[in-house]
């Protein structure tokens, strides 16, 4: 039903409400309807009201004002104001109904009624006396920002007809320091304009309040810059020529024939899109459908972002590889030193050297290699593996050392390379008990190296 109601609303909005004037009861609210349908029906009732059905519609809308739903009550008052603005000749009974609502002394009703009064007076001031008669007695119930702005505007536009207008305005000016910079900016702006307008009409009664207001605005460092510029403009022009200020501000109270919001209603573009979602959204397709150029631009941005991300990832990989290469080089440079520390046999005390088998005709217990000569070596020395193993097992261990190494830094192949570089010659190797054992020869000593996991054992 919302889709149908939206199209009825559009047809009525374009001046064809006469088609639905006789069926106005179809748009009465039902208790089980959602709020968005109720609000749309209230707008349609405001558009289809005419001289023939005004009485029934006024009574129905008056019932909605007493609804516990605050939004429905406000929109009902707004619908009554819409009828008065659209049909000025029928404004009198509507204003009379609105003035009775003021006596209910309920804040949300009074606030919305004051806003409607301002809109009615903008269009026509024929009902000004009836409005002013109830307005000043309900000031204490006006609490919303928009309602306060509406009241201040009325005080400025019709201040010469409201005896208490300078003093009511002074009350708002005295509360200026309590207004926040952002939330109450609308009140500050309308308060400044109203004070200047009322000063032009009743200068002796307003001059002191206007001076206080200008001082509050211009001396406050954190005040809105646009508000300060406007206050400075009014102050300077009043110092030069007051008549120029009267030309700038229209104080003639001439009713407005057409509102700015009514110009949007006269926009015919929606009629060209009657069978589209434009009626639901109340805006042309260009306002809610993005053009091809828009998506092309977004895609270009995505491609640029992806390209930039890929370049950054490549840079990170290059930096990581460079760091790994540098770390590998440093590890290679540090590795001989660390292994050298591991095999630093000078710190191993050697006591009671035991002479083993004379394999190479060299005394294993002899510590001075300079005494070995070439004629002591045998050119045709032979030794079977069994005999070698037997003699090797007879050798006593003169010293031993054990160190733990990081397997991520040292591998078995690294150890083999180190021994070869430092002239440790492997004469036997094998695996036993999940360990790799090597027997190396370096003059004049034979070392046995056993590597198991991260532990390295060295025996001399």
Protein backbone atom coordinates (compact mmCIF):
# COMPACT_ATOMS: atom_id res chain seq x y z
CA UNK A 1 0.00 0.00 0.00
CA UNK A 2 2.92 2.35 0.58
CA UNK A 3 3.78 2.25 -3.13
CA UNK A 4 0.22 3.20 -4.07
CA UNK A 5 0.06 5.92 -1.42
CA UNK A 6 3.36 7.35 -2.66
CA UNK A 7 1.94 7.81 -6.14
CA UNK A 8 -1.30 9.30 -4.79
CA UNK A 9 0.83 11.70 -2.75
CA UNK A 10 2.80 12.73 -5.84
CA UNK A 11 -0.35 13.29 -7.92
CA UNK A 12 -1.89 15.38 -5.14
CA UNK A 13 1.34 17.29 -4.67
CA UNK A 14 1.30 18.36 -8.31
CA UNK A 15 -2.10 20.02 -7.97
CA UNK A 16 -4.37 17.12 -8.87
CA UNK A 17 -5.75 16.45 -5.40
CA UNK A 18 -9.32 16.97 -6.62
CA UNK A 19 -9.28 13.36 -7.86
CA UNK A 20 -9.19 12.14 -4.25
CA UNK A 21 -11.24 14.79 -2.41
CA UNK A 22 -14.35 12.60 -2.19
CA UNK A 23 -12.34 9.59 -1.02
CA UNK A 24 -10.57 11.43 1.77
CA UNK A 25 -11.78 8.94 4.41
CA UNK A 26 -9.66 6.29 2.73
CA UNK A 27 -6.65 8.14 4.15
CA UNK A 28 -7.79 8.04 7.77
CA UNK A 29 -5.29 6.33 10.03
CA UNK A 30 -5.70 2.78 11.30
CA UNK A 31 -4.38 1.56 14.60
CA UNK A 32 -2.49 -1.42 13.14
CA UNK A 33 -0.67 0.54 10.44
CA UNK A 34 3.06 1.21 10.68
CA UNK A 35 4.17 4.75 11.42
CA UNK A 36 5.60 5.45 7.95
CA UNK A 37 2.20 4.76 6.35
CA UNK A 38 0.45 6.90 8.96
CA UNK A 39 2.77 9.82 8.31
CA UNK A 40 2.26 9.54 4.56
CA UNK A 41 -1.52 9.46 5.00
CA UNK A 42 -1.36 12.62 7.10
CA UNK A 43 0.48 14.41 4.29
CA UNK A 44 -2.15 13.23 1.78
CA UNK A 45 -4.99 14.43 4.04
CA UNK A 46 -3.33 17.84 4.11
CA UNK A 47 -3.26 17.89 0.30
CA UNK A 48 -6.79 16.60 -0.43
CA UNK A 49 -8.49 18.93 2.07
CA UNK A 50 -10.94 21.32 0.48
CA UNK A 51 -13.82 23.55 1.44
CA UNK A 52 -16.21 20.61 1.13
CA UNK A 53 -14.39 18.18 3.40
CA UNK A 54 -12.50 20.55 5.69
CA UNK A 55 -14.78 20.02 8.70
CA UNK A 56 -14.39 16.26 8.71
CA UNK A 57 -10.65 16.42 8.17
CA UNK A 58 -10.21 19.00 10.96
CA UNK A 59 -12.08 16.80 13.41
CA UNK A 60 -10.06 13.74 12.38
CA UNK A 61 -6.73 15.54 12.65
CA UNK A 62 -7.77 16.99 16.00
CA UNK A 63 -8.19 13.44 17.28
CA UNK A 64 -4.67 12.54 16.14
CA UNK A 65 -3.21 15.48 18.09
CA UNK A 66 -4.19 13.72 21.31
CA UNK A 67 -2.49 10.49 20.23
CA UNK A 68 0.09 9.11 22.69
CA UNK A 69 2.49 8.77 19.76
CA UNK A 70 4.38 12.08 19.81
CA UNK A 71 5.42 11.89 16.16
CA UNK A 72 1.85 11.29 14.98
CA UNK A 73 0.62 14.20 17.10
CA UNK A 74 3.26 16.54 15.69
CA UNK A 75 2.60 15.48 12.11
CA UNK A 76 -1.14 16.01 12.62
CA UNK A 77 -0.48 19.61 13.71
CA UNK A 78 1.87 20.01 10.76
CA UNK A 79 -0.88 18.75 8.43
CA UNK A 80 -3.28 21.36 9.81
CA UNK A 81 -0.68 24.06 9.18
CA UNK A 82 -0.21 22.78 5.64
CA UNK A 83 -3.91 23.18 4.94
CA UNK A 84 -3.87 26.76 6.30
CA UNK A 85 -0.89 27.67 4.12
CA UNK A 86 -2.32 26.07 1.00
CA UNK A 87 -5.84 27.48 1.51
CA UNK A 88 -5.45 30.90 3.19
CA UNK A 89 -9.19 31.55 2.99
CA UNK A 90 -9.80 28.57 5.25
CA UNK A 91 -7.06 29.47 7.73
CA UNK A 92 -9.40 30.95 10.34
CA UNK A 93 -11.00 27.69 11.58
CA UNK A 94 -7.64 25.98 11.45
CA UNK A 95 -5.94 28.66 13.57
CA UNK A 96 -8.82 28.44 16.01
CA UNK A 97 -8.26 24.70 16.33
CA UNK A 98 -4.53 25.24 16.80
CA UNK A 99 -5.04 27.81 19.54
CA UNK A 100 -7.13 25.30 21.48
CA UNK A 101 -4.19 22.89 21.36
CA UNK A 102 -2.05 25.47 23.17
CA UNK A 103 -4.30 25.19 26.20
CA UNK A 104 -3.37 21.51 26.59
CA UNK A 105 -0.05 22.62 28.11
CA UNK A 106 1.88 19.74 26.60
CA UNK A 107 5.38 20.62 25.43
CA UNK A 108 5.48 18.64 22.18
CA UNK A 109 2.08 20.05 21.11
CA UNK A 110 2.97 23.65 21.97
CA UNK A 111 6.40 23.42 20.31
CA UNK A 112 4.99 22.10 17.05
CA UNK A 113 2.09 24.58 17.12
CA UNK A 114 4.48 27.53 17.46
CA UNK A 115 6.43 26.26 14.43
CA UNK A 116 3.17 26.02 12.44
CA UNK A 117 2.17 29.54 13.54
CA UNK A 118 5.42 30.89 12.14
CA UNK A 119 4.79 29.22 8.76
CA UNK A 120 1.24 30.54 8.65
CA UNK A 121 2.40 34.09 9.44
CA UNK A 122 5.04 33.88 6.74
CA UNK A 123 2.28 33.25 4.22
CA UNK A 124 -0.43 35.54 5.64
CA UNK A 125 -0.79 37.68 8.77
CA UNK A 126 -4.57 37.86 8.66
CA UNK A 127 -4.83 35.70 11.78
CA UNK A 128 -2.06 37.52 13.65
CA UNK A 129 -4.21 38.73 16.58
CA UNK A 130 -5.52 35.25 17.37
CA UNK A 131 -2.01 33.82 17.29
CA UNK A 132 -0.42 36.54 19.43
CA UNK A 133 -3.20 36.24 21.99
CA UNK A 134 -2.11 32.72 22.98
CA UNK A 135 1.58 32.86 22.10
CA UNK A 136 2.98 34.93 24.96
CA UNK A 137 1.16 32.87 27.58
CA UNK A 138 2.88 29.64 26.54
CA UNK A 139 6.51 30.77 26.42
CA UNK A 140 7.50 28.60 29.38
CA UNK A 141 6.52 25.44 27.46
CA UNK A 142 8.65 26.26 24.41
CA UNK A 143 11.76 24.11 24.83
CA UNK A 144 12.79 22.79 21.40
CA UNK A 145 15.38 24.62 19.31
CA UNK A 146 13.19 24.96 16.24
CA UNK A 147 10.25 26.22 18.32
CA UNK A 148 12.45 28.78 20.09
CA UNK A 149 13.73 29.98 16.73
CA UNK A 150 10.14 30.31 15.48
CA UNK A 151 9.12 32.35 18.54
CA UNK A 152 12.13 34.65 18.23
CA UNK A 153 11.34 35.22 14.55
CA UNK A 154 7.76 36.17 15.39
CA UNK A 155 9.03 38.61 18.04
CA UNK A 156 11.19 40.33 15.44
CA UNK A 157 8.69 40.38 12.58
CA UNK A 158 5.72 41.52 14.64
CA UNK A 159 7.47 43.08 17.62
CA UNK A 160 5.74 46.42 17.21
CA UNK A 161 2.43 44.66 17.86
CA UNK A 162 3.67 42.64 20.84
CA UNK A 163 4.10 44.91 23.84
CA UNK A 164 6.36 42.48 25.68
CA UNK A 165 8.56 41.54 22.70
CA UNK A 166 11.70 43.52 23.81
CA UNK A 167 11.59 41.97 27.26
CA UNK A 168 10.95 38.45 26.00
CA UNK A 169 13.87 38.89 23.62
CA UNK A 170 16.03 40.15 26.49
CA UNK A 171 15.33 36.90 28.33
CA UNK A 172 16.77 34.90 25.42
CA UNK A 173 19.79 37.23 25.22
CA UNK A 174 20.50 36.76 28.93
CA UNK A 175 20.56 33.00 28.32
CA UNK A 176 23.11 33.38 25.51
CA UNK A 177 25.99 31.97 27.57
CA UNK A 178 24.05 28.72 28.10
CA UNK A 179 23.72 28.03 24.39
CA UNK A 180 26.22 25.54 23.00
CA UNK A 181 28.35 26.48 20.01
CA UNK A 182 26.99 23.80 17.69
CA UNK A 183 23.59 22.63 18.95
CA UNK A 184 22.09 26.10 19.46
CA UNK A 185 23.77 27.89 16.56
CA UNK A 186 20.39 28.27 14.85
CA UNK A 187 19.02 30.11 17.90
CA UNK A 188 22.04 32.41 18.02
CA UNK A 189 21.72 33.34 14.36
CA UNK A 190 18.00 34.09 14.49
CA UNK A 191 18.49 35.90 17.82
CA UNK A 192 21.05 38.25 16.29
CA UNK A 193 18.90 39.03 13.24
CA UNK A 194 15.76 39.52 15.37
CA UNK A 195 17.55 41.82 17.82
CA UNK A 196 18.72 44.06 14.96
CA UNK A 197 15.27 44.08 13.32
CA UNK A 198 13.52 44.88 16.61
CA UNK A 199 16.09 47.59 17.29
CA UNK A 200 15.09 49.32 14.06
CA UNK A 201 11.46 49.22 15.20
CA UNK A 202 11.84 49.98 18.92
CA UNK A 203 15.36 51.33 19.45
CA UNK A 204 15.08 52.76 22.99
CA UNK A 205 13.90 49.44 24.44
CA UNK A 206 16.28 47.18 22.54
CA UNK A 207 19.55 49.13 22.29
CA UNK A 208 20.93 47.89 25.60
CA UNK A 209 20.06 44.25 24.90
CA UNK A 210 21.48 44.48 21.38
CA UNK A 211 24.77 45.90 22.69
CA UNK A 212 25.05 43.06 25.20
CA UNK A 213 24.37 40.49 22.49
CA UNK A 214 26.98 41.95 20.14
CA UNK A 215 29.55 42.01 22.94
CA UNK A 216 28.85 38.36 23.83
CA UNK A 217 29.33 37.28 20.23
CA UNK A 218 32.39 39.38 19.33
CA UNK A 219 34.27 38.77 22.59
CA UNK A 220 33.86 35.00 22.59
CA UNK A 221 36.93 33.40 21.01
CA UNK A 222 35.29 30.03 20.38
CA UNK A 223 32.18 31.48 18.77
CA UNK A 224 31.16 30.46 15.25
CA UNK A 225 33.14 32.51 12.72
CA UNK A 226 30.13 33.16 10.46
CA UNK A 227 28.10 34.44 13.41
CA UNK A 228 30.95 36.74 14.46
CA UNK A 229 31.30 38.09 10.92
CA UNK A 230 27.58 38.85 10.75
CA UNK A 231 27.65 40.57 14.16
CA UNK A 232 30.65 42.66 13.09
CA UNK A 233 28.87 43.59 9.86
CA UNK A 234 25.76 44.81 11.74
CA UNK A 235 27.90 46.72 14.23
CA UNK A 236 29.91 48.55 11.58
CA UNK A 237 26.95 49.43 9.39
CA UNK A 238 25.06 50.81 12.44
CA UNK A 239 28.04 53.03 13.19
CA UNK A 240 28.12 54.48 9.68
CA UNK A 241 24.53 54.85 8.46
CA UNK A 242 21.48 53.32 10.09
CA UNK A 243 19.41 53.85 6.94
CA UNK A 244 21.67 51.49 5.02
CA UNK A 245 20.88 48.82 7.60
CA UNK A 246 17.15 49.29 6.98
CA UNK A 247 17.76 48.67 3.29
CA UNK A 248 19.65 45.49 4.05
CA UNK A 249 16.99 44.13 6.41
CA UNK A 250 13.43 44.05 5.14
CA UNK A 251 11.18 45.11 8.02
CA UNK A 252 8.01 45.62 6.00
CA UNK A 253 6.31 42.37 7.13
CA UNK A 254 5.22 41.57 3.60
CA UNK A 255 3.82 38.02 3.30
CA UNK A 256 5.78 35.60 1.16
CA UNK A 257 3.89 34.44 -1.90
CA UNK A 258 6.07 31.38 -2.53
CA UNK A 259 8.27 29.49 -0.13
CA UNK A 260 11.57 28.04 -1.17
CA UNK A 261 10.37 24.55 -0.26
CA UNK A 262 7.38 25.03 -2.57
CA UNK A 263 9.70 25.51 -5.52
CA UNK A 264 10.91 21.93 -5.04
CA UNK A 265 7.28 20.76 -5.11
CA UNK A 266 6.84 22.34 -8.53
CA UNK A 267 9.68 20.28 -9.91
CA UNK A 268 8.14 18.19 -12.71
CA UNK A 269 11.00 15.73 -13.09
CA UNK A 270 9.38 13.14 -10.84
CA UNK A 271 6.36 12.91 -13.15
CA UNK A 272 8.66 11.69 -15.89
CA UNK A 273 9.74 8.87 -13.58
CA UNK A 274 6.28 7.99 -12.28
CA UNK A 275 6.77 4.22 -12.67
CA UNK A 276 10.18 4.12 -11.05
CA UNK A 277 11.57 4.24 -7.53
CA UNK A 278 11.84 7.99 -7.84
CA UNK A 279 8.32 8.29 -6.46
CA UNK A 280 9.27 6.23 -3.39
CA UNK A 281 12.47 8.14 -2.75
CA UNK A 282 10.91 11.47 -3.74
CA UNK A 283 13.95 12.38 -5.81
CA UNK A 284 15.07 11.95 -9.45
CA UNK A 285 17.15 8.90 -10.44
CA UNK A 286 20.32 10.96 -10.62
CA UNK A 287 20.06 11.48 -6.85
CA UNK A 288 20.07 7.80 -5.92
CA UNK A 289 21.56 5.98 -8.95
CA UNK A 290 25.24 6.48 -9.56
CA UNK A 291 26.37 7.13 -13.10
CA UNK A 292 28.75 4.90 -15.09
CA UNK A 293 31.46 7.52 -14.68
CA UNK A 294 31.15 7.25 -10.92
CA UNK A 295 31.76 3.50 -10.91
CA UNK A 296 34.56 3.87 -13.46
CA UNK A 297 36.25 6.34 -11.16
CA UNK A 298 35.85 3.97 -8.20
CA UNK A 299 37.32 1.11 -10.24
CA UNK A 300 40.29 3.25 -11.23
CA UNK A 301 40.88 4.04 -7.57
CA UNK A 302 40.73 0.34 -6.73
CA UNK A 303 43.23 -0.49 -9.47
CA UNK A 304 45.60 2.22 -8.25
CA UNK A 305 45.26 0.94 -4.70
CA UNK A 306 45.93 -2.64 -5.79
CA UNK A 307 48.96 -1.54 -7.80
CA UNK A 308 50.31 0.43 -4.85
CA UNK A 309 49.70 -2.52 -2.54
CA UNK A 310 51.54 -4.86 -4.91
CA UNK A 311 54.49 -2.48 -5.11
CA UNK A 312 54.63 -2.20 -1.33
CA UNK A 313 54.51 -5.99 -1.02
CA UNK A 314 57.36 -6.33 -3.55
CA UNK A 315 59.40 -3.79 -1.62
CA UNK A 316 58.80 -5.70 1.59
CA UNK A 317 59.95 -8.95 -0.09
CA UNK A 318 63.09 -7.24 -1.40
CA UNK A 319 63.88 -5.81 1.99
CA UNK A 320 63.26 -9.18 3.65
CA UNK A 321 65.47 -11.02 1.18
CA UNK A 322 68.19 -8.42 1.62
CA UNK A 323 67.98 -8.74 5.38
CA UNK A 324 68.09 -12.55 5.15
CA UNK A 325 71.11 -12.40 2.83
CA UNK A 326 72.85 -9.99 5.15
CA UNK A 327 72.01 -12.14 8.14
CA UNK A 328 73.28 -15.22 6.28
CA UNK A 329 76.53 -13.44 5.51
CA UNK A 330 76.93 -12.38 9.11
CA UNK A 331 76.22 -15.92 10.26
CA UNK A 332 78.85 -17.26 7.89
CA UNK A 333 81.30 -14.69 9.20
CA UNK A 334 80.48 -15.46 12.80
CA UNK A 335 80.26 -19.24 12.36
CA UNK A 336 84.02 -20.00 12.27
CA UNK A 337 84.54 -17.96 15.40
CA UNK A 338 81.74 -19.70 17.27
CA UNK A 339 82.85 -23.14 16.11
CA UNK A 340 86.37 -22.12 16.86
CA UNK A 341 85.27 -21.32 20.38
CA UNK A 342 83.62 -24.69 20.49
CA UNK A 343 86.85 -26.37 19.51
CA UNK A 344 89.09 -24.09 21.52
CA UNK A 345 91.24 -26.90 22.76
CA UNK A 346 93.77 -24.61 24.35
CA UNK A 347 91.39 -24.25 27.28
CA UNK A 348 91.20 -28.02 27.73
CA UNK A 349 93.70 -29.21 30.26
CA UNK A 350 95.74 -32.15 29.04
CA UNK A 351 97.23 -34.27 31.78
CA UNK A 352 98.96 -37.58 31.73
CA UNK A 353 98.99 -38.15 28.01
CA UNK A 354 98.72 -41.81 27.18
CA UNK A 355 100.67 -43.23 24.33
CA UNK A 356 98.53 -45.24 22.01
CA UNK A 357 99.30 -47.49 19.07
CA UNK A 358 102.09 -46.40 16.72
CA UNK A 359 99.90 -46.14 13.61
CA UNK A 360 102.04 -43.61 11.74
CA UNK A 361 105.19 -44.32 13.63
CA UNK A 362 104.43 -41.19 15.66
CA UNK A 363 104.27 -41.09 19.42
CA UNK A 364 100.72 -39.88 20.18
CA UNK A 365 101.88 -38.61 23.50
CA UNK A 366 104.54 -36.44 21.86
CA UNK A 367 103.42 -32.82 21.90
CA UNK A 368 106.16 -31.33 19.73
CA UNK A 369 105.29 -31.84 16.06
CA UNK A 370 108.56 -30.23 14.97
CA UNK A 371 110.42 -33.44 16.03
CA UNK A 372 108.58 -35.52 13.43
CA UNK A 373 110.65 -36.12 10.28
CA UNK A 374 109.75 -37.66 6.97
CA UNK A 375 111.97 -40.71 7.47
CA UNK A 376 109.83 -41.66 10.42
CA UNK A 377 106.84 -42.22 8.11
CA UNK A 378 106.22 -45.51 6.44
CA UNK A 379 105.57 -45.41 2.69
CA UNK A 380 103.84 -48.79 2.63
CA UNK A 381 102.00 -48.79 5.93
CA UNK A 382 98.89 -50.98 5.94
CA UNK A 383 96.34 -51.50 8.67
CA UNK A 384 93.17 -53.52 8.42
CA UNK A 385 89.91 -51.94 9.66
CA UNK A 386 89.60 -54.48 12.42
CA UNK A 387 93.10 -53.79 13.62
CA UNK A 388 92.58 -50.04 13.42
CA UNK A 389 89.33 -50.27 15.41
CA UNK A 390 91.03 -52.43 18.02
CA UNK A 391 93.89 -49.98 18.45
CA UNK A 392 91.57 -47.00 18.39
CA UNK A 393 89.44 -48.36 21.20
CA UNK A 394 92.57 -48.86 23.31
CA UNK A 395 93.31 -45.13 23.23
CA UNK A 396 92.42 -43.37 26.46
CA UNK A 397 90.52 -40.08 26.51
CA UNK A 398 92.84 -37.31 27.58
CA UNK A 399 90.27 -34.48 27.56
CA UNK A 400 86.67 -33.78 26.48
CA UNK A 401 84.40 -30.78 25.94
CA UNK A 402 80.66 -30.48 25.16
CA UNK A 403 78.82 -27.45 23.80
CA UNK A 404 75.21 -26.77 22.71
CA UNK A 405 74.67 -25.23 19.32
CA UNK A 406 71.66 -23.69 17.62
CA UNK A 407 70.63 -26.02 14.84
CA UNK A 408 69.25 -23.08 12.87
CA UNK A 409 72.78 -21.65 12.73
CA UNK A 410 74.88 -24.82 12.48
CA UNK A 411 74.31 -27.95 10.47
CA UNK A 412 76.38 -31.08 10.21
CA UNK A 413 77.55 -29.96 6.79
CA UNK A 414 78.78 -26.70 8.34
CA UNK A 415 80.87 -28.63 10.81
CA UNK A 416 82.38 -30.78 8.07
CA UNK A 417 83.23 -27.68 6.05
CA UNK A 418 84.83 -26.05 9.08
CA UNK A 419 87.00 -29.09 9.84
CA UNK A 420 88.19 -29.26 6.24
CA UNK A 421 89.03 -25.54 6.14
CA UNK A 422 91.08 -25.89 9.33
CA UNK A 423 92.90 -29.03 8.15
CA UNK A 424 91.07 -31.51 10.30
CA UNK A 425 91.16 -34.63 8.12
CA UNK A 426 88.42 -37.17 8.50
CA UNK A 427 89.82 -40.64 8.79
CA UNK A 428 86.64 -42.41 9.92
CA UNK A 429 82.95 -41.69 10.33
CA UNK A 430 79.74 -43.50 11.27
CA UNK A 431 76.32 -43.24 12.94
CA UNK A 432 75.25 -44.78 16.23
CA UNK A 433 72.56 -43.97 18.77
CA UNK A 434 71.03 -41.18 16.60
CA UNK A 435 74.39 -39.40 16.52
CA UNK A 436 76.96 -38.79 13.80
CA UNK A 437 80.54 -39.56 14.83
CA UNK A 438 83.68 -38.42 13.03
CA UNK A 439 87.30 -39.18 13.69
CA UNK A 440 89.61 -36.41 12.52
CA UNK A 441 93.36 -36.21 12.29
CA UNK A 442 95.40 -33.08 12.78
CA UNK A 443 99.00 -33.24 13.64
CA UNK A 444 99.87 -34.27 16.27
CA UNK A 445 96.44 -35.11 17.74
CA UNK A 446 93.44 -37.22 16.78
CA UNK A 447 90.04 -35.81 17.74
CA UNK A 448 86.71 -37.61 17.92
CA UNK A 449 83.67 -35.41 17.24
CA UNK A 450 80.15 -36.60 17.98
CA UNK A 451 77.12 -34.54 16.85
CA UNK A 452 73.71 -35.41 18.29
CA UNK A 453 70.74 -33.02 17.82
CA UNK A 454 71.88 -29.66 19.15
CA UNK A 455 74.72 -31.12 21.30
CA UNK A 456 78.30 -31.40 20.14
CA UNK A 457 80.85 -33.48 22.05
CA UNK A 458 84.56 -33.25 21.35
CA UNK A 459 87.05 -35.76 22.70
CA UNK A 460 90.80 -35.56 22.43
